[in-house]
N, C-alpha and C. Protein backbone atom coordinates (compact mmCIF):
# COMPACT_ATOMS: atom_id res chain seq x y z
N MET A 1 104.06 102.58 103.01
CA MET A 1 103.08 101.63 102.67
C MET A 1 103.05 101.48 100.98
N PRO A 2 103.13 100.52 100.36
CA PRO A 2 103.15 100.42 98.93
C PRO A 2 101.90 101.54 98.54
N ASP A 3 102.13 101.75 97.12
CA ASP A 3 101.31 102.67 96.73
C ASP A 3 100.97 102.43 95.05
N ALA A 4 100.01 101.63 94.81
CA ALA A 4 99.53 101.13 93.50
C ALA A 4 99.80 102.26 92.45
N GLN A 5 99.42 103.24 92.76
CA GLN A 5 99.27 104.47 91.71
C GLN A 5 100.83 104.80 91.32
N ALA A 6 101.53 104.82 92.22
CA ALA A 6 103.08 104.88 92.15
C ALA A 6 103.71 104.33 91.19
N ILE A 7 103.17 102.76 91.77
CA ILE A 7 103.86 101.76 90.98
C ILE A 7 103.38 101.99 89.54
N HIS A 8 102.06 102.19 89.29
CA HIS A 8 101.74 102.27 87.64
C HIS A 8 102.59 103.45 87.11
N GLN A 9 102.91 104.61 87.65
CA GLN A 9 103.44 105.97 87.43
C GLN A 9 104.82 105.21 87.02
N LEU A 10 105.49 104.35 88.03
CA LEU A 10 107.01 104.14 87.51
C LEU A 10 107.05 103.26 86.35
N ILE A 11 106.17 102.49 86.06
CA ILE A 11 106.16 101.58 84.95
C ILE A 11 105.99 102.26 83.78
N ASP A 12 104.90 103.37 83.63
CA ASP A 12 104.72 104.11 82.62
C ASP A 12 106.04 105.11 82.33
N LYS A 13 106.61 105.21 83.29
CA LYS A 13 107.60 106.30 83.00
C LYS A 13 108.95 105.25 82.57
N PHE A 14 108.97 104.00 83.08
CA PHE A 14 109.96 103.02 82.33
C PHE A 14 109.58 103.01 80.94
N ASP A 15 108.24 102.58 80.53
CA ASP A 15 107.99 102.28 79.19
C ASP A 15 108.20 103.59 78.14
N ASP A 16 108.06 104.49 78.63
CA ASP A 16 108.40 106.04 78.14
C ASP A 16 109.89 106.32 77.96
N ASN A 17 110.62 105.97 78.64
CA ASN A 17 112.15 106.46 78.70
C ASN A 17 113.16 104.86 78.34
N TYR A 18 112.86 103.80 78.37
CA TYR A 18 113.54 102.56 78.17
C TYR A 18 112.84 101.53 77.37
N GLY A 19 111.74 101.83 76.99
CA GLY A 19 110.94 100.78 76.35
C GLY A 19 110.10 99.77 77.25
N ARG A 20 109.50 98.70 76.55
CA ARG A 20 108.88 97.99 77.55
C ARG A 20 109.37 97.10 78.87
N LEU A 21 108.41 96.74 79.22
CA LEU A 21 108.88 96.32 80.42
C LEU A 21 108.37 94.67 80.41
N ASP A 22 109.64 93.74 80.53
CA ASP A 22 109.57 92.37 80.08
C ASP A 22 109.36 91.75 81.12
N ALA A 23 110.10 92.12 82.12
CA ALA A 23 110.51 91.20 83.73
C ALA A 23 110.50 92.21 84.90
N LEU A 24 109.80 91.78 85.80
CA LEU A 24 109.83 92.15 87.12
C LEU A 24 110.39 91.26 88.16
N ILE A 25 111.30 91.80 89.08
CA ILE A 25 111.77 91.03 89.94
C ILE A 25 111.81 91.85 91.35
N ASN A 26 110.78 91.32 92.28
CA ASN A 26 110.46 91.73 93.38
C ASN A 26 111.47 91.24 94.70
N CYS A 27 112.43 92.08 95.06
CA CYS A 27 113.46 91.30 95.82
C CYS A 27 113.89 92.50 97.07
N ALA A 28 112.65 93.38 97.33
CA ALA A 28 112.87 94.36 98.70
C ALA A 28 112.22 93.47 99.52
N GLY A 29 112.76 93.78 100.71
CA GLY A 29 112.39 93.30 101.96
C GLY A 29 113.19 93.59 103.13
N ILE A 30 112.54 93.55 104.42
CA ILE A 30 113.05 93.76 105.48
C ILE A 30 112.66 93.03 106.58
N LEU A 31 113.62 92.58 107.67
CA LEU A 31 113.37 91.68 108.88
C LEU A 31 112.73 92.03 109.83
N GLY A 32 112.38 93.31 110.06
CA GLY A 32 111.45 93.68 111.48
C GLY A 32 112.46 93.43 112.63
N ALA A 33 111.71 93.72 113.71
CA ALA A 33 112.58 93.39 115.14
C ALA A 33 112.70 92.30 115.06
N ASP A 34 113.89 91.81 115.87
CA ASP A 34 114.37 90.41 116.41
C ASP A 34 113.55 90.27 118.01
N ASP A 35 112.55 90.04 117.90
CA ASP A 35 111.25 89.61 118.82
C ASP A 35 110.69 88.54 118.64
N TYR A 36 110.28 88.07 119.80
CA TYR A 36 109.52 87.06 120.07
C TYR A 36 107.96 87.40 119.87
N MET A 37 107.05 86.46 119.50
CA MET A 37 105.76 86.86 118.97
C MET A 37 105.24 87.60 120.17
N PHE A 38 105.24 87.63 121.29
CA PHE A 38 104.47 88.19 122.21
C PHE A 38 104.86 89.61 122.37
N GLU A 39 106.39 90.02 121.75
CA GLU A 39 106.92 91.20 121.82
C GLU A 39 106.89 92.13 120.77
N ILE A 40 106.37 91.47 119.72
CA ILE A 40 106.25 92.43 118.29
C ILE A 40 105.31 93.32 118.21
N GLU A 41 105.76 94.44 117.98
CA GLU A 41 104.56 95.59 117.83
C GLU A 41 103.50 95.44 116.55
N ALA A 42 102.54 95.68 116.64
CA ALA A 42 101.78 95.93 115.50
C ALA A 42 102.22 96.57 114.27
N SER A 43 102.86 97.85 114.62
CA SER A 43 103.26 98.49 113.62
C SER A 43 104.72 97.80 113.10
N ASP A 44 105.20 97.11 113.67
CA ASP A 44 106.32 96.43 113.08
C ASP A 44 105.85 95.14 112.32
N TRP A 45 104.70 94.59 112.75
CA TRP A 45 104.26 93.31 111.69
C TRP A 45 103.63 93.97 110.66
N ASP A 46 103.12 95.34 110.79
CA ASP A 46 102.39 95.70 109.37
C ASP A 46 103.59 96.19 108.72
N ALA A 47 104.74 96.73 109.07
CA ALA A 47 105.85 97.20 108.03
C ALA A 47 106.46 95.86 107.28
N VAL A 48 106.44 95.15 108.14
CA VAL A 48 107.38 93.84 107.22
C VAL A 48 106.18 93.18 106.51
N MET A 49 105.06 93.09 106.69
CA MET A 49 104.28 92.58 105.83
C MET A 49 103.86 93.50 104.42
N ASN A 50 103.93 94.96 104.99
CA ASN A 50 103.57 95.88 103.77
C ASN A 50 104.91 95.81 102.80
N VAL A 51 106.32 95.75 103.09
CA VAL A 51 107.16 95.63 102.32
C VAL A 51 107.36 94.40 101.72
N ASN A 52 107.42 93.48 102.33
CA ASN A 52 107.74 91.67 101.96
C ASN A 52 106.58 91.35 101.25
N LEU A 53 105.36 91.45 101.41
CA LEU A 53 104.28 90.68 100.91
C LEU A 53 103.32 91.84 100.13
N LYS A 54 102.79 92.79 100.69
CA LYS A 54 101.85 93.80 99.96
C LYS A 54 102.47 94.14 98.53
N ALA A 55 103.60 94.97 99.08
CA ALA A 55 104.39 95.50 97.96
C ALA A 55 104.60 94.40 96.58
N THR A 56 104.95 93.20 97.19
CA THR A 56 105.33 92.21 96.18
C THR A 56 103.83 91.72 95.15
N TRP A 57 102.86 92.07 95.95
CA TRP A 57 101.46 91.81 95.33
C TRP A 57 101.10 93.07 94.30
N GLN A 58 101.13 94.12 94.89
CA GLN A 58 101.07 95.48 94.23
C GLN A 58 102.05 95.59 93.03
N ALA A 59 103.05 95.28 93.19
CA ALA A 59 104.09 95.45 92.12
C ALA A 59 103.89 94.54 91.00
N SER A 60 103.43 93.08 91.41
CA SER A 60 103.30 92.11 90.25
C SER A 60 102.12 92.44 89.76
N THR A 61 101.09 92.86 90.45
CA THR A 61 99.74 92.83 89.93
C THR A 61 99.67 94.19 88.99
N CYS A 62 100.40 95.23 89.08
CA CYS A 62 100.43 96.38 88.20
C CYS A 62 101.57 95.96 86.82
N ALA A 63 102.72 95.28 87.33
CA ALA A 63 103.41 95.02 86.03
C ALA A 63 102.63 93.57 85.11
N ALA A 64 101.90 92.95 85.76
CA ALA A 64 100.95 91.98 85.03
C ALA A 64 99.92 92.68 84.19
N ALA A 65 99.47 93.72 85.00
CA ALA A 65 98.42 94.53 83.94
C ALA A 65 98.88 95.09 82.73
N TYR A 66 100.35 95.61 83.15
CA TYR A 66 100.93 96.52 82.01
C TYR A 66 101.42 95.34 80.72
N MET A 67 101.67 94.18 81.13
CA MET A 67 102.00 92.96 80.01
C MET A 67 100.87 92.51 79.69
N ILE A 68 99.80 92.26 80.37
CA ILE A 68 98.81 91.89 79.50
C ILE A 68 98.08 93.11 78.39
N LYS A 69 97.99 94.22 79.06
CA LYS A 69 97.66 95.26 78.11
C LYS A 69 98.76 95.44 76.75
N LYS A 70 99.71 95.17 77.03
CA LYS A 70 100.81 95.27 75.65
C LYS A 70 101.06 93.95 75.13
N GLY A 71 100.48 92.96 75.62
CA GLY A 71 100.38 91.49 74.92
C GLY A 71 101.97 91.11 74.95
N ILE A 72 102.48 91.33 76.23
CA ILE A 72 103.96 90.65 76.52
C ILE A 72 104.03 89.38 77.13
N GLN A 73 104.87 88.49 76.66
CA GLN A 73 104.94 87.24 77.40
C GLN A 73 106.12 87.60 78.61
N GLY A 74 105.49 88.00 79.44
CA GLY A 74 106.44 88.62 80.20
C GLY A 74 107.19 87.30 81.72
N ARG A 75 107.73 87.88 82.66
CA ARG A 75 108.34 87.24 83.60
C ARG A 75 108.43 87.99 85.02
N ILE A 76 107.98 87.31 85.98
CA ILE A 76 107.73 87.98 87.40
C ILE A 76 108.29 86.90 88.02
N VAL A 77 109.55 87.32 88.93
CA VAL A 77 110.37 86.83 89.95
C VAL A 77 110.27 87.23 91.19
N ASN A 78 109.86 86.22 92.29
CA ASN A 78 109.49 86.86 93.54
C ASN A 78 110.77 86.42 94.38
N ILE A 79 111.28 87.03 95.21
CA ILE A 79 112.18 86.89 96.27
C ILE A 79 111.72 86.26 97.61
N SER A 80 111.87 84.90 97.86
CA SER A 80 111.25 84.47 99.26
C SER A 80 112.41 84.54 100.08
N SER A 81 112.73 83.49 100.98
CA SER A 81 113.56 83.16 101.53
C SER A 81 113.63 81.82 102.48
N SER A 82 114.47 81.24 102.64
CA SER A 82 114.55 80.01 103.21
C SER A 82 113.69 79.93 104.56
N LEU A 83 113.72 80.99 105.42
CA LEU A 83 112.66 81.29 106.49
C LEU A 83 111.00 81.27 106.05
N GLY A 84 110.97 81.18 104.77
CA GLY A 84 109.32 80.91 104.30
C GLY A 84 109.07 79.45 104.47
N GLY A 85 109.86 78.53 104.67
CA GLY A 85 109.22 77.03 104.65
C GLY A 85 109.96 76.41 106.11
N ARG A 86 110.71 77.34 107.05
CA ARG A 86 111.47 76.66 108.07
C ARG A 86 110.84 77.55 109.29
N LEU A 87 111.44 76.98 110.25
CA LEU A 87 111.30 77.79 111.76
C LEU A 87 112.48 78.59 112.04
N GLN A 88 112.17 79.48 112.81
CA GLN A 88 113.34 80.37 113.39
C GLN A 88 112.84 80.80 114.67
N ARG A 89 113.59 81.13 115.75
CA ARG A 89 112.73 82.06 117.22
C ARG A 89 112.94 83.43 116.58
N LYS A 90 112.25 84.40 116.89
CA LYS A 90 112.26 85.60 116.97
C LYS A 90 111.97 86.20 115.66
N ARG A 91 111.56 85.54 114.31
CA ARG A 91 111.20 85.80 113.11
C ARG A 91 109.84 85.64 112.54
N ILE A 92 109.10 85.57 113.74
CA ILE A 92 107.40 84.83 113.03
C ILE A 92 107.09 85.97 112.18
N HIS A 93 107.05 87.27 112.02
CA HIS A 93 106.64 88.07 111.26
C HIS A 93 107.16 87.84 109.67
N TYR A 94 108.57 87.93 109.88
CA TYR A 94 109.61 87.70 108.51
C TYR A 94 109.15 86.52 107.93
N ALA A 95 109.31 85.40 108.80
CA ALA A 95 108.91 83.95 108.12
C ALA A 95 107.48 83.86 107.31
N THR A 96 106.45 84.45 108.18
CA THR A 96 105.13 84.29 107.73
C THR A 96 104.97 85.16 106.43
N SER A 97 105.80 86.40 106.32
CA SER A 97 105.48 87.13 104.92
C SER A 97 106.27 86.57 104.08
N LYS A 98 107.39 85.92 104.34
CA LYS A 98 107.92 85.11 102.89
C LYS A 98 107.21 83.70 102.56
N ALA A 99 106.67 83.20 103.62
CA ALA A 99 105.92 82.11 103.34
C ALA A 99 104.60 82.44 102.18
N GLY A 100 104.17 83.87 102.60
CA GLY A 100 102.86 84.31 102.15
C GLY A 100 103.34 84.71 100.53
N VAL A 101 104.69 85.12 100.52
CA VAL A 101 104.96 85.33 98.90
C VAL A 101 105.62 84.21 98.16
N GLU A 102 105.54 82.96 99.03
CA GLU A 102 105.48 81.78 98.34
C GLU A 102 104.05 81.46 97.57
N HIS A 103 103.46 81.39 98.43
CA HIS A 103 101.93 81.08 98.13
C HIS A 103 101.37 81.95 97.20
N LEU A 104 101.75 83.31 97.24
CA LEU A 104 101.39 84.58 96.40
C LEU A 104 101.84 84.16 95.00
N THR A 105 103.15 83.61 94.88
CA THR A 105 103.73 82.98 93.67
C THR A 105 103.01 82.06 93.05
N ARG A 106 102.66 81.05 93.79
CA ARG A 106 101.85 79.98 93.04
C ARG A 106 100.62 80.48 92.71
N ASN A 107 99.85 81.25 93.22
CA ASN A 107 98.57 81.66 92.82
C ASN A 107 98.63 82.65 91.43
N MET A 108 99.61 83.44 91.76
CA MET A 108 99.86 84.37 90.51
C MET A 108 100.42 83.48 89.16
N ALA A 109 101.20 82.45 89.26
CA ALA A 109 101.53 81.73 88.20
C ALA A 109 100.22 80.75 87.65
N MET A 110 99.33 80.66 88.47
CA MET A 110 98.26 79.77 88.02
C MET A 110 97.15 80.97 87.31
N GLU A 111 97.10 82.03 87.83
CA GLU A 111 96.36 82.95 87.22
C GLU A 111 96.95 83.61 85.78
N LEU A 112 98.06 83.76 85.87
CA LEU A 112 98.55 84.63 84.57
C LEU A 112 99.54 83.50 83.56
N VAL A 113 99.21 82.27 83.90
CA VAL A 113 99.97 81.20 82.99
C VAL A 113 98.91 81.61 81.52
N LYS A 114 97.55 82.29 81.36
CA LYS A 114 96.90 82.07 80.19
C LYS A 114 97.30 82.98 79.76
N ASN A 115 97.88 84.26 80.30
CA ASN A 115 98.47 85.26 79.66
C ASN A 115 99.82 85.36 79.05
N ASN A 116 100.45 84.08 79.34
CA ASN A 116 102.12 83.84 79.12
C ASN A 116 102.73 84.34 79.78
N ILE A 117 102.43 84.82 80.92
CA ILE A 117 103.27 85.58 81.96
C ILE A 117 103.74 84.30 83.12
N ARG A 118 104.90 84.03 82.85
CA ARG A 118 105.72 83.13 83.95
C ARG A 118 106.10 83.76 85.07
N VAL A 119 105.59 83.13 86.08
CA VAL A 119 105.80 83.66 87.63
C VAL A 119 106.75 82.44 88.42
N ASN A 120 107.72 82.88 88.97
CA ASN A 120 108.86 82.02 89.64
C ASN A 120 108.92 82.63 90.95
N CYS A 121 109.56 81.96 91.92
CA CYS A 121 110.00 82.45 92.95
C CYS A 121 111.20 81.66 93.46
N LEU A 122 112.37 82.54 93.79
CA LEU A 122 113.58 82.02 94.37
C LEU A 122 113.66 82.10 95.91
N VAL A 123 114.32 80.99 96.45
CA VAL A 123 113.92 81.09 97.65
C VAL A 123 115.49 81.06 98.02
N PRO A 124 116.47 81.88 98.69
CA PRO A 124 117.72 81.64 99.12
C PRO A 124 118.08 81.51 100.88
N GLY A 125 118.90 80.84 100.94
CA GLY A 125 119.21 80.91 102.29
C GLY A 125 120.04 81.93 102.91
N TRP A 126 120.80 81.82 103.71
CA TRP A 126 121.37 83.10 104.18
C TRP A 126 122.58 83.87 103.17
N LEU A 127 122.42 85.02 103.26
CA LEU A 127 123.32 85.56 102.27
C LEU A 127 123.92 86.91 102.96
N ALA A 128 125.30 87.05 102.84
CA ALA A 128 125.96 88.07 103.27
C ALA A 128 125.60 89.43 102.89
N THR A 129 124.37 90.03 103.16
CA THR A 129 123.99 91.60 102.69
C THR A 129 123.77 92.31 103.97
N PRO A 130 123.84 93.54 103.76
CA PRO A 130 123.74 94.41 104.71
C PRO A 130 122.80 94.24 105.76
N MET A 131 121.59 93.63 105.33
CA MET A 131 120.61 93.61 106.12
C MET A 131 120.78 92.55 107.22
N VAL A 132 121.13 91.43 106.82
CA VAL A 132 121.72 90.32 107.90
C VAL A 132 123.13 90.22 108.31
N GLN A 133 124.04 91.13 107.87
CA GLN A 133 125.37 91.16 108.37
C GLN A 133 125.63 91.01 109.74
N ASP A 134 125.10 91.68 110.66
CA ASP A 134 124.96 91.67 112.01
C ASP A 134 124.42 90.27 112.48
N ILE A 135 123.73 89.76 111.89
CA ILE A 135 123.15 88.52 112.53
C ILE A 135 124.38 87.31 112.18
N LEU A 136 125.21 87.54 111.09
CA LEU A 136 126.01 86.72 110.47
C LEU A 136 127.20 86.89 111.63
N ASN A 137 127.49 87.90 111.81
CA ASN A 137 128.54 88.40 112.78
C ASN A 137 128.16 87.95 114.12
N GLY A 138 127.10 87.63 114.66
CA GLY A 138 126.63 87.48 115.87
C GLY A 138 126.94 86.05 116.33
N PRO A 139 126.52 85.73 117.24
CA PRO A 139 126.62 84.40 117.88
C PRO A 139 125.85 83.36 116.95
N GLN A 140 124.68 83.44 116.12
CA GLN A 140 123.96 82.90 115.37
C GLN A 140 124.59 82.66 114.10
N GLY A 141 125.70 83.64 113.97
CA GLY A 141 126.39 83.60 112.44
C GLY A 141 127.18 82.11 112.12
N GLU A 142 127.65 81.43 113.24
CA GLU A 142 128.70 80.34 112.73
C GLU A 142 127.54 79.23 112.67
N HIS A 143 126.47 79.20 113.21
CA HIS A 143 125.44 78.21 112.94
C HIS A 143 124.74 78.03 111.89
């Protein structure tokens, strides 16, 4: 589960060792189980939401607080997925988390504009990464 205190400590350590933090890119994500909605375990739902959505919110909030405190005109970039805006069987938890990232981004952008912090979201399609390699190599890959 995301830990706001650990994120604050990481930002402080970055500031001490490398200089100020001007940008944050939230790109961590997990797919979760390849199951229909009635088969998904609550623990899997929670894991996907914690990594994909809650950690994005927490890291962004911590980074934005740091940027505001330091007077930095920072940037926050969140990574969503094409599934955040479209349907696919057996990915209800992942798609919901990524739709949440997109809505979170819009709300953060609205709140942080007054602090000169720009918030954007990238929405890539399928990319050949280790997380999705089995899917791309399977029967859905050609589609």
